[in-house]
Amino acid sequence: MERTSISEQETIEPEEGVRVTQLVAGENMNAQHFRFDPGATAMEHSHPHEQIVYILEGTFTVILDGEPFEFEAGDSYVIPGDVPHASENNTDEPVSGIDVFSPARDGTPWD
């Protein structure tokens, strides 16, 4: 078994105010930590991976099929693979959470 720490992992900023850190990756899934600064947005995108999200802090808006859904700390949700979605922090406080993807994503945590 291999142990990793978030402090040992590379953090990338794929979009302004959005930071993503790969936490751990297995053969069939991976987990990453994300942080959105106030006003930060992840443009609409899709990927073949099923995505499970848990919000650690803040209030987060996810747009799925053009419909906004709001999530708060302690909430979780699932985005099916190949479904276009966008995310935004419309508040004055940071948002952070954990993403789990299956199957595991290749490359950087934003591919």
N, C-alpha and C. Protein backbone atom coordinates (compact mmCIF):
# COMPACT_ATOMS: atom_id res chain seq x y z
N MET A 1 0.86 -1.18 0.00
CA MET A 1 0.00 0.00 0.00
C MET A 1 0.89 1.23 0.00
N GLU A 2 0.51 2.20 -0.80
CA GLU A 2 1.27 3.45 -0.89
C GLU A 2 0.49 4.57 -0.20
N ARG A 3 1.21 5.38 0.58
CA ARG A 3 0.59 6.52 1.26
C ARG A 3 1.02 7.79 0.54
N THR A 4 0.07 8.70 0.32
CA THR A 4 0.39 9.99 -0.26
C THR A 4 -0.21 11.09 0.61
N SER A 5 0.34 12.28 0.48
CA SER A 5 -0.14 13.44 1.21
C SER A 5 -0.38 14.57 0.22
N ILE A 6 -1.41 15.35 0.43
CA ILE A 6 -1.71 16.45 -0.48
C ILE A 6 -0.53 17.42 -0.57
N SER A 7 0.24 17.56 0.52
CA SER A 7 1.37 18.48 0.50
C SER A 7 2.50 18.00 -0.42
N GLU A 8 2.48 16.72 -0.79
CA GLU A 8 3.51 16.16 -1.67
C GLU A 8 3.08 16.16 -3.14
N GLN A 9 1.86 16.55 -3.41
CA GLN A 9 1.32 16.48 -4.77
C GLN A 9 1.37 17.83 -5.46
N GLU A 10 1.44 17.79 -6.78
CA GLU A 10 1.45 19.02 -7.58
C GLU A 10 0.03 19.57 -7.69
N THR A 11 -0.10 20.86 -7.51
CA THR A 11 -1.38 21.54 -7.70
C THR A 11 -1.30 22.32 -9.01
N ILE A 12 -2.34 22.17 -9.84
CA ILE A 12 -2.38 22.92 -11.09
C ILE A 12 -3.53 23.92 -11.03
N GLU A 13 -3.46 24.95 -11.88
CA GLU A 13 -4.52 25.95 -11.98
C GLU A 13 -5.00 25.95 -13.43
N PRO A 14 -5.94 25.03 -13.76
CA PRO A 14 -6.38 24.89 -15.15
C PRO A 14 -7.19 26.08 -15.67
N GLU A 15 -7.84 26.78 -14.76
CA GLU A 15 -8.58 28.00 -15.10
C GLU A 15 -8.33 28.99 -13.97
N GLU A 16 -8.41 30.26 -14.27
CA GLU A 16 -8.10 31.28 -13.26
C GLU A 16 -8.95 31.07 -12.01
N GLY A 17 -8.28 30.95 -10.86
CA GLY A 17 -8.97 30.81 -9.59
C GLY A 17 -9.43 29.40 -9.26
N VAL A 18 -9.08 28.44 -10.11
CA VAL A 18 -9.45 27.03 -9.88
C VAL A 18 -8.16 26.24 -9.69
N ARG A 19 -8.04 25.58 -8.54
CA ARG A 19 -6.85 24.76 -8.28
C ARG A 19 -7.27 23.32 -8.05
N VAL A 20 -6.49 22.40 -8.64
CA VAL A 20 -6.80 20.98 -8.58
C VAL A 20 -5.54 20.22 -8.19
N THR A 21 -5.67 19.31 -7.23
CA THR A 21 -4.55 18.50 -6.78
C THR A 21 -4.95 17.04 -6.81
N GLN A 22 -4.21 16.25 -7.58
CA GLN A 22 -4.44 14.80 -7.59
C GLN A 22 -4.08 14.26 -6.22
N LEU A 23 -4.99 13.52 -5.58
CA LEU A 23 -4.72 12.96 -4.26
C LEU A 23 -4.15 11.55 -4.37
N VAL A 24 -4.86 10.71 -5.10
CA VAL A 24 -4.45 9.32 -5.23
C VAL A 24 -5.10 8.75 -6.48
N ALA A 25 -4.43 7.81 -7.12
CA ALA A 25 -4.98 7.16 -8.31
C ALA A 25 -4.76 5.65 -8.22
N GLY A 26 -5.81 4.91 -8.47
CA GLY A 26 -5.72 3.46 -8.55
C GLY A 26 -5.94 3.03 -9.98
N GLU A 27 -6.12 1.75 -10.18
CA GLU A 27 -6.35 1.24 -11.53
C GLU A 27 -7.72 1.63 -12.06
N ASN A 28 -8.73 1.73 -11.19
CA ASN A 28 -10.10 1.93 -11.64
C ASN A 28 -10.73 3.26 -11.25
N MET A 29 -10.06 4.02 -10.41
CA MET A 29 -10.60 5.32 -10.00
C MET A 29 -9.48 6.20 -9.48
N ASN A 30 -9.76 7.50 -9.40
CA ASN A 30 -8.83 8.43 -8.78
C ASN A 30 -9.61 9.50 -8.03
N ALA A 31 -8.91 10.16 -7.10
CA ALA A 31 -9.52 11.21 -6.30
C ALA A 31 -8.65 12.46 -6.39
N GLN A 32 -9.32 13.60 -6.40
CA GLN A 32 -8.60 14.87 -6.43
C GLN A 32 -9.29 15.87 -5.52
N HIS A 33 -8.51 16.82 -5.04
CA HIS A 33 -9.03 17.93 -4.25
C HIS A 33 -9.15 19.13 -5.18
N PHE A 34 -10.23 19.90 -5.05
CA PHE A 34 -10.36 21.12 -5.84
C PHE A 34 -10.67 22.29 -4.93
N ARG A 35 -10.30 23.47 -5.41
CA ARG A 35 -10.61 24.73 -4.71
C ARG A 35 -10.96 25.77 -5.77
N PHE A 36 -12.09 26.44 -5.59
CA PHE A 36 -12.52 27.53 -6.45
C PHE A 36 -12.51 28.81 -5.62
N ASP A 37 -11.75 29.79 -6.06
CA ASP A 37 -11.78 31.10 -5.41
C ASP A 37 -13.14 31.76 -5.68
N PRO A 38 -13.50 32.77 -4.90
CA PRO A 38 -14.74 33.49 -5.19
C PRO A 38 -14.76 33.98 -6.65
N GLY A 39 -15.85 33.73 -7.33
CA GLY A 39 -16.02 34.17 -8.72
C GLY A 39 -15.42 33.25 -9.76
N ALA A 40 -14.70 32.20 -9.35
CA ALA A 40 -14.06 31.30 -10.31
C ALA A 40 -15.07 30.38 -10.99
N THR A 41 -14.77 30.03 -12.25
CA THR A 41 -15.67 29.21 -13.06
C THR A 41 -14.89 28.14 -13.81
N ALA A 42 -15.46 26.95 -13.88
CA ALA A 42 -14.96 25.90 -14.78
C ALA A 42 -15.94 25.85 -15.95
N MET A 43 -15.46 26.20 -17.13
CA MET A 43 -16.31 26.24 -18.32
C MET A 43 -16.94 24.88 -18.59
N GLU A 44 -18.01 24.88 -19.37
CA GLU A 44 -18.69 23.62 -19.70
C GLU A 44 -17.72 22.64 -20.36
N HIS A 45 -17.78 21.41 -19.91
CA HIS A 45 -16.92 20.35 -20.43
C HIS A 45 -17.60 19.00 -20.16
N SER A 46 -17.07 17.97 -20.73
CA SER A 46 -17.55 16.61 -20.43
C SER A 46 -16.36 15.67 -20.50
N HIS A 47 -16.53 14.50 -19.93
CA HIS A 47 -15.51 13.46 -19.94
C HIS A 47 -16.22 12.13 -19.77
N PRO A 48 -15.60 11.04 -20.20
CA PRO A 48 -16.27 9.74 -20.12
C PRO A 48 -16.38 9.19 -18.70
N HIS A 49 -15.73 9.83 -17.76
CA HIS A 49 -15.67 9.32 -16.38
C HIS A 49 -16.92 9.71 -15.59
N GLU A 50 -17.45 8.78 -14.81
CA GLU A 50 -18.44 9.12 -13.81
C GLU A 50 -17.72 9.92 -12.73
N GLN A 51 -18.35 10.98 -12.24
CA GLN A 51 -17.71 11.88 -11.27
C GLN A 51 -18.59 11.99 -10.03
N ILE A 52 -18.03 11.63 -8.90
CA ILE A 52 -18.71 11.81 -7.62
C ILE A 52 -18.03 12.96 -6.90
N VAL A 53 -18.81 13.88 -6.36
CA VAL A 53 -18.26 15.10 -5.75
C VAL A 53 -18.79 15.23 -4.32
N TYR A 54 -17.89 15.61 -3.41
CA TYR A 54 -18.25 15.92 -2.03
C TYR A 54 -17.74 17.33 -1.74
N ILE A 55 -18.62 18.22 -1.30
CA ILE A 55 -18.26 19.60 -0.99
C ILE A 55 -17.79 19.70 0.46
N LEU A 56 -16.55 20.14 0.65
CA LEU A 56 -15.98 20.29 1.98
C LEU A 56 -16.32 21.63 2.61
N GLU A 57 -16.27 22.71 1.80
CA GLU A 57 -16.56 24.04 2.32
C GLU A 57 -17.15 24.91 1.22
N GLY A 58 -18.01 25.83 1.62
CA GLY A 58 -18.56 26.80 0.68
C GLY A 58 -19.86 26.36 0.03
N THR A 59 -20.30 27.19 -0.89
CA THR A 59 -21.52 26.94 -1.67
C THR A 59 -21.14 26.96 -3.13
N PHE A 60 -21.54 25.95 -3.86
CA PHE A 60 -21.07 25.68 -5.21
C PHE A 60 -22.26 25.53 -6.15
N THR A 61 -22.16 26.09 -7.34
CA THR A 61 -23.21 25.94 -8.35
C THR A 61 -22.69 25.07 -9.48
N VAL A 62 -23.46 24.06 -9.84
CA VAL A 62 -23.14 23.18 -10.95
C VAL A 62 -24.25 23.33 -11.98
N ILE A 63 -23.88 23.54 -13.24
CA ILE A 63 -24.86 23.67 -14.31
C ILE A 63 -24.83 22.38 -15.11
N LEU A 64 -25.96 21.69 -15.14
CA LEU A 64 -26.08 20.41 -15.81
C LEU A 64 -27.26 20.50 -16.77
N ASP A 65 -27.01 20.30 -18.05
CA ASP A 65 -28.05 20.45 -19.07
C ASP A 65 -28.72 21.80 -18.98
N GLY A 66 -27.94 22.85 -18.70
CA GLY A 66 -28.46 24.21 -18.64
C GLY A 66 -29.18 24.56 -17.36
N GLU A 67 -29.33 23.62 -16.44
CA GLU A 67 -30.04 23.88 -15.19
C GLU A 67 -29.05 24.00 -14.04
N PRO A 68 -29.11 25.11 -13.27
CA PRO A 68 -28.19 25.27 -12.14
C PRO A 68 -28.68 24.49 -10.91
N PHE A 69 -27.72 23.87 -10.23
CA PHE A 69 -27.97 23.17 -8.97
C PHE A 69 -26.99 23.73 -7.96
N GLU A 70 -27.46 24.02 -6.74
CA GLU A 70 -26.60 24.59 -5.72
C GLU A 70 -26.31 23.55 -4.64
N PHE A 71 -25.02 23.46 -4.26
CA PHE A 71 -24.59 22.51 -3.25
C PHE A 71 -23.80 23.24 -2.18
N GLU A 72 -23.95 22.77 -0.93
CA GLU A 72 -23.27 23.37 0.21
C GLU A 72 -22.35 22.34 0.86
N ALA A 73 -21.50 22.82 1.77
CA ALA A 73 -20.62 21.93 2.51
C ALA A 73 -21.43 20.78 3.11
N GLY A 74 -20.92 19.56 2.92
CA GLY A 74 -21.60 18.36 3.40
C GLY A 74 -22.46 17.69 2.34
N ASP A 75 -22.71 18.38 1.23
CA ASP A 75 -23.49 17.79 0.13
C ASP A 75 -22.59 16.98 -0.78
N SER A 76 -23.19 16.01 -1.46
CA SER A 76 -22.48 15.25 -2.49
C SER A 76 -23.43 15.04 -3.66
N TYR A 77 -22.85 14.74 -4.83
CA TYR A 77 -23.65 14.50 -6.02
C TYR A 77 -22.84 13.69 -7.02
N VAL A 78 -23.54 13.16 -8.03
CA VAL A 78 -22.92 12.36 -9.08
C VAL A 78 -23.19 13.01 -10.43
N ILE A 79 -22.16 13.10 -11.27
CA ILE A 79 -22.31 13.53 -12.65
C ILE A 79 -21.99 12.31 -13.52
N PRO A 80 -22.96 11.83 -14.29
CA PRO A 80 -22.69 10.67 -15.15
C PRO A 80 -21.64 11.00 -16.21
N GLY A 81 -20.96 9.99 -16.70
CA GLY A 81 -19.98 10.18 -17.76
C GLY A 81 -20.62 10.75 -19.02
N ASP A 82 -19.84 11.55 -19.75
CA ASP A 82 -20.24 12.14 -21.03
C ASP A 82 -21.37 13.16 -20.94
N VAL A 83 -21.69 13.64 -19.75
CA VAL A 83 -22.73 14.66 -19.59
C VAL A 83 -22.06 16.03 -19.46
N PRO A 84 -22.35 16.98 -20.36
CA PRO A 84 -21.75 18.32 -20.27
C PRO A 84 -22.17 19.00 -18.96
N HIS A 85 -21.19 19.63 -18.32
CA HIS A 85 -21.46 20.34 -17.07
C HIS A 85 -20.44 21.46 -16.88
N ALA A 86 -20.82 22.44 -16.09
CA ALA A 86 -19.96 23.56 -15.72
C ALA A 86 -20.11 23.77 -14.23
N SER A 87 -19.15 24.48 -13.62
CA SER A 87 -19.18 24.74 -12.18
C SER A 87 -18.76 26.18 -11.94
N GLU A 88 -19.35 26.78 -10.90
CA GLU A 88 -18.98 28.16 -10.59
C GLU A 88 -19.17 28.45 -9.11
N ASN A 89 -18.32 29.32 -8.62
CA ASN A 89 -18.43 29.81 -7.25
C ASN A 89 -18.94 31.24 -7.35
N ASN A 90 -20.21 31.41 -7.05
CA ASN A 90 -20.85 32.73 -7.15
C ASN A 90 -20.90 33.45 -5.81
N THR A 91 -20.05 33.03 -4.87
CA THR A 91 -20.08 33.61 -3.53
C THR A 91 -18.79 34.38 -3.26
N ASP A 92 -18.72 34.96 -2.07
CA ASP A 92 -17.53 35.70 -1.64
C ASP A 92 -16.58 34.82 -0.82
N GLU A 93 -16.89 33.54 -0.72
CA GLU A 93 -16.08 32.60 0.06
C GLU A 93 -15.52 31.51 -0.85
N PRO A 94 -14.36 30.95 -0.54
CA PRO A 94 -13.83 29.85 -1.35
C PRO A 94 -14.69 28.60 -1.23
N VAL A 95 -14.60 27.76 -2.24
CA VAL A 95 -15.26 26.46 -2.25
C VAL A 95 -14.18 25.40 -2.41
N SER A 96 -14.29 24.33 -1.65
CA SER A 96 -13.36 23.21 -1.85
C SER A 96 -14.12 21.90 -1.72
N GLY A 97 -13.56 20.88 -2.34
CA GLY A 97 -14.21 19.58 -2.30
C GLY A 97 -13.31 18.49 -2.83
N ILE A 98 -13.88 17.30 -2.89
CA ILE A 98 -13.20 16.12 -3.37
C ILE A 98 -13.97 15.56 -4.55
N ASP A 99 -13.25 15.28 -5.65
CA ASP A 99 -13.81 14.59 -6.82
C ASP A 99 -13.28 13.16 -6.83
N VAL A 100 -14.13 12.21 -7.16
CA VAL A 100 -13.71 10.84 -7.41
C VAL A 100 -14.18 10.47 -8.80
N PHE A 101 -13.26 9.97 -9.63
CA PHE A 101 -13.57 9.64 -11.02
C PHE A 101 -13.39 8.14 -11.25
N SER A 102 -14.32 7.57 -12.02
CA SER A 102 -14.20 6.17 -12.44
C SER A 102 -14.66 6.08 -13.88
N PRO A 103 -13.87 5.45 -14.75
CA PRO A 103 -12.54 4.91 -14.48
C PRO A 103 -11.55 6.03 -14.18
N ALA A 104 -10.37 5.63 -13.73
CA ALA A 104 -9.34 6.62 -13.39
C ALA A 104 -9.03 7.50 -14.58
N ARG A 105 -8.81 8.78 -14.34
CA ARG A 105 -8.42 9.71 -15.38
C ARG A 105 -6.93 9.58 -15.66
N ASP A 106 -6.57 9.66 -16.92
CA ASP A 106 -5.16 9.62 -17.31
C ASP A 106 -4.58 11.02 -17.29
N GLY A 107 -3.29 11.13 -17.12
CA GLY A 107 -2.62 12.43 -17.20
C GLY A 107 -2.91 13.30 -16.01
N THR A 108 -2.96 14.62 -16.26
CA THR A 108 -3.20 15.56 -15.17
C THR A 108 -4.64 15.44 -14.72
N PRO A 109 -4.95 15.93 -13.52
CA PRO A 109 -6.32 15.82 -13.02
C PRO A 109 -7.34 16.68 -13.77
N TRP A 110 -6.91 17.39 -14.79
CA TRP A 110 -7.86 18.23 -15.53
C TRP A 110 -8.02 17.77 -16.97
N ASP A 111 -7.38 16.67 -17.36
CA ASP A 111 -7.52 16.13 -18.73
C ASP A 111 -8.92 15.64 -18.97
